[in-house]
Amino acid sequence: MAAPLSAARWLRLAGGRPGLASTRSVFVARKRTYEQPNWFGVGLAFTTSAALWAFLFKQHNEDVMEYERRKQEKQHKCTGCS
């Protein structure tokens, strides 16, 4: 059991990737300033959210109209129309 574990550990070390402790993340390269918010990002987030909600309501209304149309078609039993 120890042989496969040591082989896996050796392969992981021989992979050539640096360990997590020696890498530096790009996202923490500079300190955040909380005095000046990123208003572009805030506006983009709210606009995206509003657009998605508008699309959701529009799609819901179209689905309800289609449901009502099919329900009316199903109830219509006129032999002269067919």
PDB file of N, CA and C in Angstrom:
ATOM      1  N   MET A   1       0.817  -1.189   0.000  1.00  0.00           N
ATOM      2  CA  MET A   1       0.000   0.000   0.000  1.00  0.00           C
ATOM      3  C   MET A   1       0.864   1.257   0.000  1.00  0.00           C
ATOM      4  N   ALA A   2       2.017   1.180   0.610  1.00  0.00           N
ATOM      5  CA  ALA A   2       2.878   2.346   0.710  1.00  0.00           C
ATOM      6  C   ALA A   2       3.556   2.650  -0.629  1.00  0.00           C
ATOM      7  N   ALA A   3       3.799   1.627  -1.433  1.00  0.00           N
ATOM      8  CA  ALA A   3       4.486   1.839  -2.708  1.00  0.00           C
ATOM      9  C   ALA A   3       3.667   2.710  -3.663  1.00  0.00           C
ATOM     10  N   PRO A   4       2.352   2.463  -3.853  1.00  0.00           N
ATOM     11  CA  PRO A   4       1.589   3.340  -4.754  1.00  0.00           C
ATOM     12  C   PRO A   4       1.509   4.772  -4.237  1.00  0.00           C
ATOM     13  N   LEU A   5       1.442   4.942  -2.920  1.00  0.00           N
ATOM     14  CA  LEU A   5       1.372   6.291  -2.369  1.00  0.00           C
ATOM     15  C   LEU A   5       2.673   7.046  -2.585  1.00  0.00           C
ATOM     16  N   SER A   6       3.783   6.369  -2.395  1.00  0.00           N
ATOM     17  CA  SER A   6       5.059   7.052  -2.597  1.00  0.00           C
ATOM     18  C   SER A   6       5.278   7.349  -4.082  1.00  0.00           C
ATOM     19  N   ALA A   7       4.810   6.462  -4.967  1.00  0.00           N
ATOM     20  CA  ALA A   7       4.936   6.710  -6.406  1.00  0.00           C
ATOM     21  C   ALA A   7       4.078   7.903  -6.813  1.00  0.00           C
ATOM     22  N   ALA A   8       2.880   8.011  -6.255  1.00  0.00           N
ATOM     23  CA  ALA A   8       2.002   9.140  -6.570  1.00  0.00           C
ATOM     24  C   ALA A   8       2.616  10.435  -6.060  1.00  0.00           C
ATOM     25  N   ARG A   9       3.203  10.397  -4.871  1.00  0.00           N
ATOM     26  CA  ARG A   9       3.835  11.592  -4.320  1.00  0.00           C
ATOM     27  C   ARG A   9       5.031  12.003  -5.178  1.00  0.00           C
ATOM     28  N   TRP A  10       5.806  11.039  -5.659  1.00  0.00           N
ATOM     29  CA  TRP A  10       6.962  11.334  -6.496  1.00  0.00           C
ATOM     30  C   TRP A  10       6.510  11.933  -7.829  1.00  0.00           C
ATOM     31  N   LEU A  11       5.427  11.384  -8.419  1.00  0.00           N
ATOM     32  CA  LEU A  11       4.933  11.914  -9.687  1.00  0.00           C
ATOM     33  C   LEU A  11       4.399  13.331  -9.518  1.00  0.00           C
ATOM     34  N   ARG A  12       3.782  13.580  -8.383  1.00  0.00           N
ATOM     35  CA  ARG A  12       3.257  14.919  -8.135  1.00  0.00           C
ATOM     36  C   ARG A  12       4.400  15.926  -8.001  1.00  0.00           C
ATOM     37  N   LEU A  13       5.462  15.534  -7.343  1.00  0.00           N
ATOM     38  CA  LEU A  13       6.600  16.433  -7.179  1.00  0.00           C
ATOM     39  C   LEU A  13       7.386  16.591  -8.473  1.00  0.00           C
ATOM     40  N   ALA A  14       7.400  15.552  -9.306  1.00  0.00           N
ATOM     41  CA  ALA A  14       8.157  15.595 -10.548  1.00  0.00           C
ATOM     42  C   ALA A  14       7.381  16.289 -11.658  1.00  0.00           C
ATOM     43  N   GLY A  15       6.170  16.748 -11.391  1.00  0.00           N
ATOM     44  CA  GLY A  15       5.339  17.371 -12.418  1.00  0.00           C
ATOM     45  C   GLY A  15       5.871  18.691 -12.911  1.00  0.00           C
ATOM     46  N   GLY A  16       6.728  19.348 -12.170  1.00  0.00           N
ATOM     47  CA  GLY A  16       7.297  20.594 -12.621  1.00  0.00           C
ATOM     48  C   GLY A  16       6.481  21.813 -12.216  1.00  0.00           C
ATOM     49  N   ARG A  17       5.296  21.609 -11.646  1.00  0.00           N
ATOM     50  CA  ARG A  17       4.485  22.739 -11.204  1.00  0.00           C
ATOM     51  C   ARG A  17       4.992  23.242  -9.877  1.00  0.00           C
ATOM     52  N   PRO A  18       5.044  24.530  -9.697  1.00  0.00           N
ATOM     53  CA  PRO A  18       5.450  25.031  -8.385  1.00  0.00           C
ATOM     54  C   PRO A  18       4.351  24.781  -7.367  1.00  0.00           C
ATOM     55  N   GLY A  19       4.733  24.661  -6.132  1.00  0.00           N
ATOM     56  CA  GLY A  19       3.757  24.444  -5.078  1.00  0.00           C
ATOM     57  C   GLY A  19       2.893  25.676  -4.879  1.00  0.00           C
ATOM     58  N   LEU A  20       1.775  25.522  -4.207  1.00  0.00           N
ATOM     59  CA  LEU A  20       0.858  26.634  -4.001  1.00  0.00           C
ATOM     60  C   LEU A  20       1.487  27.741  -3.155  1.00  0.00           C
ATOM     61  N   ALA A  21       2.398  27.384  -2.265  1.00  0.00           N
ATOM     62  CA  ALA A  21       2.997  28.381  -1.390  1.00  0.00           C
ATOM     63  C   ALA A  21       3.942  29.306  -2.154  1.00  0.00           C
ATOM     64  N   SER A  22       4.499  28.838  -3.261  1.00  0.00           N
ATOM     65  CA  SER A  22       5.467  29.663  -3.968  1.00  0.00           C
ATOM     66  C   SER A  22       4.850  30.466  -5.111  1.00  0.00           C
ATOM     67  N   THR A  23       3.557  30.318  -5.374  1.00  0.00           N
ATOM     68  CA  THR A  23       2.930  31.084  -6.449  1.00  0.00           C
ATOM     69  C   THR A  23       2.288  32.342  -5.893  1.00  0.00           C
ATOM     70  N   ARG A  24       2.166  33.337  -6.741  1.00  0.00           N
ATOM     71  CA  ARG A  24       1.542  34.593  -6.336  1.00  0.00           C
ATOM     72  C   ARG A  24       0.296  34.813  -7.183  1.00  0.00           C
ATOM     73  N   SER A  25      -0.809  35.049  -6.552  1.00  0.00           N
ATOM     74  CA  SER A  25      -2.053  35.236  -7.273  1.00  0.00           C
ATOM     75  C   SER A  25      -2.088  36.623  -7.888  1.00  0.00           C
ATOM     76  N   VAL A  26      -2.633  36.726  -9.078  1.00  0.00           N
ATOM     77  CA  VAL A  26      -2.736  38.003  -9.765  1.00  0.00           C
ATOM     78  C   VAL A  26      -3.787  38.886  -9.094  1.00  0.00           C
ATOM     79  N   PHE A  27      -4.753  38.263  -8.446  1.00  0.00           N
ATOM     80  CA  PHE A  27      -5.884  39.003  -7.904  1.00  0.00           C
ATOM     81  C   PHE A  27      -5.544  39.745  -6.621  1.00  0.00           C
ATOM     82  N   VAL A  28      -4.442  39.435  -5.978  1.00  0.00           N
ATOM     83  CA  VAL A  28      -4.065  40.150  -4.762  1.00  0.00           C
ATOM     84  C   VAL A  28      -2.769  40.923  -4.971  1.00  0.00           C
ATOM     85  N   ALA A  29      -2.506  41.320  -6.202  1.00  0.00           N
ATOM     86  CA  ALA A  29      -1.263  42.015  -6.495  1.00  0.00           C
ATOM     87  C   ALA A  29      -1.237  43.414  -5.884  1.00  0.00           C
ATOM     88  N   ARG A  30      -2.392  44.037  -5.701  1.00  0.00           N
ATOM     89  CA  ARG A  30      -2.420  45.349  -5.053  1.00  0.00           C
ATOM     90  C   ARG A  30      -3.561  45.384  -4.049  1.00  0.00           C
ATOM     91  N   LYS A  31      -3.461  46.262  -3.120  1.00  0.00           N
ATOM     92  CA  LYS A  31      -4.455  46.366  -2.065  1.00  0.00           C
ATOM     93  C   LYS A  31      -5.705  47.068  -2.574  1.00  0.00           C
ATOM     94  N   ARG A  32      -6.855  46.645  -2.100  1.00  0.00           N
ATOM     95  CA  ARG A  32      -8.108  47.270  -2.494  1.00  0.00           C
ATOM     96  C   ARG A  32      -8.291  48.600  -1.788  1.00  0.00           C
ATOM     97  N   THR A  33      -8.899  49.533  -2.497  1.00  0.00           N
ATOM     98  CA  THR A  33      -9.247  50.806  -1.885  1.00  0.00           C
ATOM     99  C   THR A  33     -10.757  50.837  -1.711  1.00  0.00           C
ATOM    100  N   TYR A  34     -11.193  50.890  -0.475  1.00  0.00           N
ATOM    101  CA  TYR A  34     -12.620  50.876  -0.199  1.00  0.00           C
ATOM    102  C   TYR A  34     -13.209  52.283  -0.194  1.00  0.00           C
ATOM    103  N   GLU A  35     -12.371  53.308  -0.276  1.00  0.00           N
ATOM    104  CA  GLU A  35     -12.873  54.684  -0.302  1.00  0.00           C
ATOM    105  C   GLU A  35     -13.491  55.016  -1.659  1.00  0.00           C
ATOM    106  N   GLN A  36     -12.990  54.396  -2.727  1.00  0.00           N
ATOM    107  CA  GLN A  36     -13.489  54.648  -4.071  1.00  0.00           C
ATOM    108  C   GLN A  36     -13.987  53.337  -4.686  1.00  0.00           C
ATOM    109  N   PRO A  37     -15.292  53.063  -4.595  1.00  0.00           N
ATOM    110  CA  PRO A  37     -15.798  51.809  -5.171  1.00  0.00           C
ATOM    111  C   PRO A  37     -15.678  51.794  -6.695  1.00  0.00           C
ATOM    112  N   ASN A  38     -15.676  50.628  -7.239  1.00  0.00           N
ATOM    113  CA  ASN A  38     -15.628  50.453  -8.686  1.00  0.00           C
ATOM    114  C   ASN A  38     -17.049  50.625  -9.227  1.00  0.00           C
ATOM    115  N   TRP A  39     -17.411  51.871  -9.554  1.00  0.00           N
ATOM    116  CA  TRP A  39     -18.788  52.159  -9.954  1.00  0.00           C
ATOM    117  C   TRP A  39     -19.141  51.519 -11.287  1.00  0.00           C
ATOM    118  N   PHE A  40     -18.168  51.332 -12.147  1.00  0.00           N
ATOM    119  CA  PHE A  40     -18.440  50.642 -13.410  1.00  0.00           C
ATOM    120  C   PHE A  40     -18.872  49.200 -13.140  1.00  0.00           C
ATOM    121  N   GLY A  41     -18.155  48.518 -12.256  1.00  0.00           N
ATOM    122  CA  GLY A  41     -18.513  47.141 -11.918  1.00  0.00           C
ATOM    123  C   GLY A  41     -19.855  47.049 -11.222  1.00  0.00           C
ATOM    124  N   VAL A  42     -20.140  48.010 -10.334  1.00  0.00           N
ATOM    125  CA  VAL A  42     -21.426  48.026  -9.631  1.00  0.00           C
ATOM    126  C   VAL A  42     -22.558  48.239 -10.630  1.00  0.00           C
ATOM    127  N   GLY A  43     -22.384  49.204 -11.524  1.00  0.00           N
ATOM    128  CA  GLY A  43     -23.411  49.473 -12.528  1.00  0.00           C
ATOM    129  C   GLY A  43     -23.612  48.296 -13.466  1.00  0.00           C
ATOM    130  N   LEU A  44     -22.518  47.665 -13.848  1.00  0.00           N
ATOM    131  CA  LEU A  44     -22.604  46.505 -14.732  1.00  0.00           C
ATOM    132  C   LEU A  44     -23.356  45.363 -14.062  1.00  0.00           C
ATOM    133  N   ALA A  45     -23.096  45.148 -12.779  1.00  0.00           N
ATOM    134  CA  ALA A  45     -23.781  44.077 -12.054  1.00  0.00           C
ATOM    135  C   ALA A  45     -25.274  44.349 -11.952  1.00  0.00           C
ATOM    136  N   PHE A  46     -25.650  45.579 -11.588  1.00  0.00           N
ATOM    137  CA  PHE A  46     -27.069  45.900 -11.462  1.00  0.00           C
ATOM    138  C   PHE A  46     -27.774  45.892 -12.813  1.00  0.00           C
ATOM    139  N   THR A  47     -27.110  46.389 -13.855  1.00  0.00           N
ATOM    140  CA  THR A  47     -27.712  46.390 -15.187  1.00  0.00           C
ATOM    141  C   THR A  47     -27.924  44.975 -15.689  1.00  0.00           C
ATOM    142  N   THR A  48     -26.947  44.116 -15.468  1.00  0.00           N
ATOM    143  CA  THR A  48     -27.074  42.720 -15.885  1.00  0.00           C
ATOM    144  C   THR A  48     -28.221  42.045 -15.156  1.00  0.00           C
ATOM    145  N   SER A  49     -28.312  42.300 -13.858  1.00  0.00           N
ATOM    146  CA  SER A  49     -29.388  41.710 -13.069  1.00  0.00           C
ATOM    147  C   SER A  49     -30.750  42.194 -13.556  1.00  0.00           C
ATOM    148  N   ALA A  50     -30.882  43.490 -13.806  1.00  0.00           N
ATOM    149  CA  ALA A  50     -32.154  44.038 -14.282  1.00  0.00           C
ATOM    150  C   ALA A  50     -32.517  43.472 -15.655  1.00  0.00           C
ATOM    151  N   ALA A  51     -31.527  43.336 -16.536  1.00  0.00           N
ATOM    152  CA  ALA A  51     -31.793  42.790 -17.866  1.00  0.00           C
ATOM    153  C   ALA A  51     -32.243  41.333 -17.787  1.00  0.00           C
ATOM    154  N   LEU A  52     -31.624  40.569 -16.908  1.00  0.00           N
ATOM    155  CA  LEU A  52     -32.033  39.170 -16.755  1.00  0.00           C
ATOM    156  C   LEU A  52     -33.445  39.056 -16.197  1.00  0.00           C
ATOM    157  N   TRP A  53     -33.787  39.911 -15.227  1.00  0.00           N
ATOM    158  CA  TRP A  53     -35.153  39.897 -14.682  1.00  0.00           C
ATOM    159  C   TRP A  53     -36.167  40.295 -15.749  1.00  0.00           C
ATOM    160  N   ALA A  54     -35.845  41.313 -16.561  1.00  0.00           N
ATOM    161  CA  ALA A  54     -36.754  41.732 -17.631  1.00  0.00           C
ATOM    162  C   ALA A  54     -36.959  40.598 -18.632  1.00  0.00           C
ATOM    163  N   PHE A  55     -35.882  39.921 -18.997  1.00  0.00           N
ATOM    164  CA  PHE A  55     -35.997  38.785 -19.909  1.00  0.00           C
ATOM    165  C   PHE A  55     -36.843  37.676 -19.290  1.00  0.00           C
ATOM    166  N   LEU A  56     -36.681  37.444 -17.982  1.00  0.00           N
ATOM    167  CA  LEU A  56     -37.445  36.408 -17.299  1.00  0.00           C
ATOM    168  C   LEU A  56     -38.938  36.717 -17.340  1.00  0.00           C
ATOM    169  N   PHE A  57     -39.324  37.969 -17.041  1.00  0.00           N
ATOM    170  CA  PHE A  57     -40.736  38.342 -17.068  1.00  0.00           C
ATOM    171  C   PHE A  57     -41.308  38.267 -18.482  1.00  0.00           C
ATOM    172  N   LYS A  58     -40.539  38.719 -19.464  1.00  0.00           N
ATOM    173  CA  LYS A  58     -40.996  38.659 -20.854  1.00  0.00           C
ATOM    174  C   LYS A  58     -41.216  37.214 -21.280  1.00  0.00           C
ATOM    175  N   GLN A  59     -40.274  36.348 -20.958  1.00  0.00           N
ATOM    176  CA  GLN A  59     -40.390  34.938 -21.324  1.00  0.00           C
ATOM    177  C   GLN A  59     -41.564  34.293 -20.607  1.00  0.00           C
ATOM    178  N   HIS A  60     -41.783  34.649 -19.359  1.00  0.00           N
ATOM    179  CA  HIS A  60     -42.913  34.096 -18.605  1.00  0.00           C
ATOM    180  C   HIS A  60     -44.234  34.499 -19.254  1.00  0.00           C
ATOM    181  N   ASN A  61     -44.365  35.773 -19.641  1.00  0.00           N
ATOM    182  CA  ASN A  61     -45.604  36.230 -20.279  1.00  0.00           C
ATOM    183  C   ASN A  61     -45.840  35.523 -21.609  1.00  0.00           C
ATOM    184  N   GLU A  62     -44.787  35.310 -22.381  1.00  0.00           N
ATOM    185  CA  GLU A  62     -44.937  34.586 -23.643  1.00  0.00           C
ATOM    186  C   GLU A  62     -45.351  33.139 -23.390  1.00  0.00           C
ATOM    187  N   ASP A  63     -44.793  32.518 -22.369  1.00  0.00           N
ATOM    188  CA  ASP A  63     -45.153  31.138 -22.040  1.00  0.00           C
ATOM    189  C   ASP A  63     -46.606  31.034 -21.596  1.00  0.00           C
ATOM    190  N   VAL A  64     -47.070  32.007 -20.813  1.00  0.00           N
ATOM    191  CA  VAL A  64     -48.466  31.993 -20.367  1.00  0.00           C
ATOM    192  C   VAL A  64     -49.402  32.171 -21.554  1.00  0.00           C
ATOM    193  N   MET A  65     -49.051  33.079 -22.469  1.00  0.00           N
ATOM    194  CA  MET A  65     -49.889  33.272 -23.656  1.00  0.00           C
ATOM    195  C   MET A  65     -49.949  32.013 -24.511  1.00  0.00           C
ATOM    196  N   GLU A  66     -48.808  31.338 -24.671  1.00  0.00           N
ATOM    197  CA  GLU A  66     -48.781  30.089 -25.442  1.00  0.00           C
ATOM    198  C   GLU A  66     -49.608  29.001 -24.754  1.00  0.00           C
ATOM    199  N   TYR A  67     -49.541  28.948 -23.429  1.00  0.00           N
ATOM    200  CA  TYR A  67     -50.327  27.982 -22.672  1.00  0.00           C
ATOM    201  C   TYR A  67     -51.823  28.226 -22.876  1.00  0.00           C
ATOM    202  N   GLU A  68     -52.230  29.494 -22.797  1.00  0.00           N
ATOM    203  CA  GLU A  68     -53.648  29.827 -22.978  1.00  0.00           C
ATOM    204  C   GLU A  68     -54.099  29.507 -24.401  1.00  0.00           C
ATOM    205  N   ARG A  69     -53.241  29.780 -25.391  1.00  0.00           N
ATOM    206  CA  ARG A  69     -53.599  29.487 -26.784  1.00  0.00           C
ATOM    207  C   ARG A  69     -53.785  27.989 -26.990  1.00  0.00           C
ATOM    208  N   ARG A  70     -52.891  27.181 -26.462  1.00  0.00           N
ATOM    209  CA  ARG A  70     -53.016  25.730 -26.616  1.00  0.00           C
ATOM    210  C   ARG A  70     -54.206  25.180 -25.846  1.00  0.00           C
ATOM    211  N   LYS A  71     -54.497  25.803 -24.707  1.00  0.00           N
ATOM    212  CA  LYS A  71     -55.654  25.369 -23.926  1.00  0.00           C
ATOM    213  C   LYS A  71     -56.947  25.643 -24.699  1.00  0.00           C
ATOM    214  N   GLN A  72     -57.019  26.792 -25.360  1.00  0.00           N
ATOM    215  CA  GLN A  72     -58.193  27.113 -26.170  1.00  0.00           C
ATOM    216  C   GLN A  72     -58.302  26.175 -27.366  1.00  0.00           C
ATOM    217  N   GLU A  73     -57.185  25.848 -28.006  1.00  0.00           N
ATOM    218  CA  GLU A  73     -57.189  24.919 -29.134  1.00  0.00           C
ATOM    219  C   GLU A  73     -57.697  23.549 -28.717  1.00  0.00           C
ATOM    220  N   LYS A  74     -57.297  23.114 -27.547  1.00  0.00           N
ATOM    221  CA  LYS A  74     -57.672  21.791 -27.062  1.00  0.00           C
ATOM    222  C   LYS A  74     -59.175  21.730 -26.774  1.00  0.00           C
ATOM    223  N   GLN A  75     -59.749  22.837 -26.294  1.00  0.00           N
ATOM    224  CA  GLN A  75     -61.164  22.844 -25.937  1.00  0.00           C
ATOM    225  C   GLN A  75     -62.057  23.048 -27.160  1.00  0.00           C
ATOM    226  N   HIS A  76     -61.507  23.517 -28.261  1.00  0.00           N
ATOM    227  CA  HIS A  76     -62.292  23.781 -29.465  1.00  0.00           C
ATOM    228  C   HIS A  76     -62.554  22.447 -30.179  1.00  0.00           C
ATOM    229  N   LYS A  77     -63.839  22.029 -30.250  1.00  0.00           N
ATOM    230  CA  LYS A  77     -64.172  20.709 -30.828  1.00  0.00           C
ATOM    231  C   LYS A  77     -65.096  20.861 -32.026  1.00  0.00           C
ATOM    232  N   CYS A  78     -64.902  21.887 -32.808  1.00  0.00           N
ATOM    233  CA  CYS A  78     -65.751  22.113 -33.957  1.00  0.00           C
ATOM    234  C   CYS A  78     -65.293  21.205 -35.112  1.00  0.00           C
ATOM    235  N   THR A  79     -66.213  20.449 -35.708  1.00  0.00           N
ATOM    236  CA  THR A  79     -65.845  19.554 -36.804  1.00  0.00           C
ATOM    237  C   THR A  79     -65.770  20.300 -38.120  1.00  0.00           C
ATOM    238  N   GLY A  80     -66.379  21.470 -38.217  1.00  0.00           N
ATOM    239  CA  GLY A  80     -66.361  22.233 -39.457  1.00  0.00           C
ATOM    240  C   GLY A  80     -65.021  22.910 -39.716  1.00  0.00           C
ATOM    241  N   CYS A  81     -64.255  23.166 -38.674  1.00  0.00           N
ATOM    242  CA  CYS A  81     -62.960  23.848 -38.832  1.00  0.00           C
ATOM    243  C   CYS A  81     -61.877  22.905 -39.322  1.00  0.00           C
ATOM    244  N   SER A  82     -61.959  21.631 -39.023  1.00  0.00           N
ATOM    245  CA  SER A  82     -60.875  20.699 -39.330  1.00  0.00           C
ATOM    246  C   SER A  82     -60.896  20.250 -40.746  1.00  0.00           C
TER     247      SER A  82
END
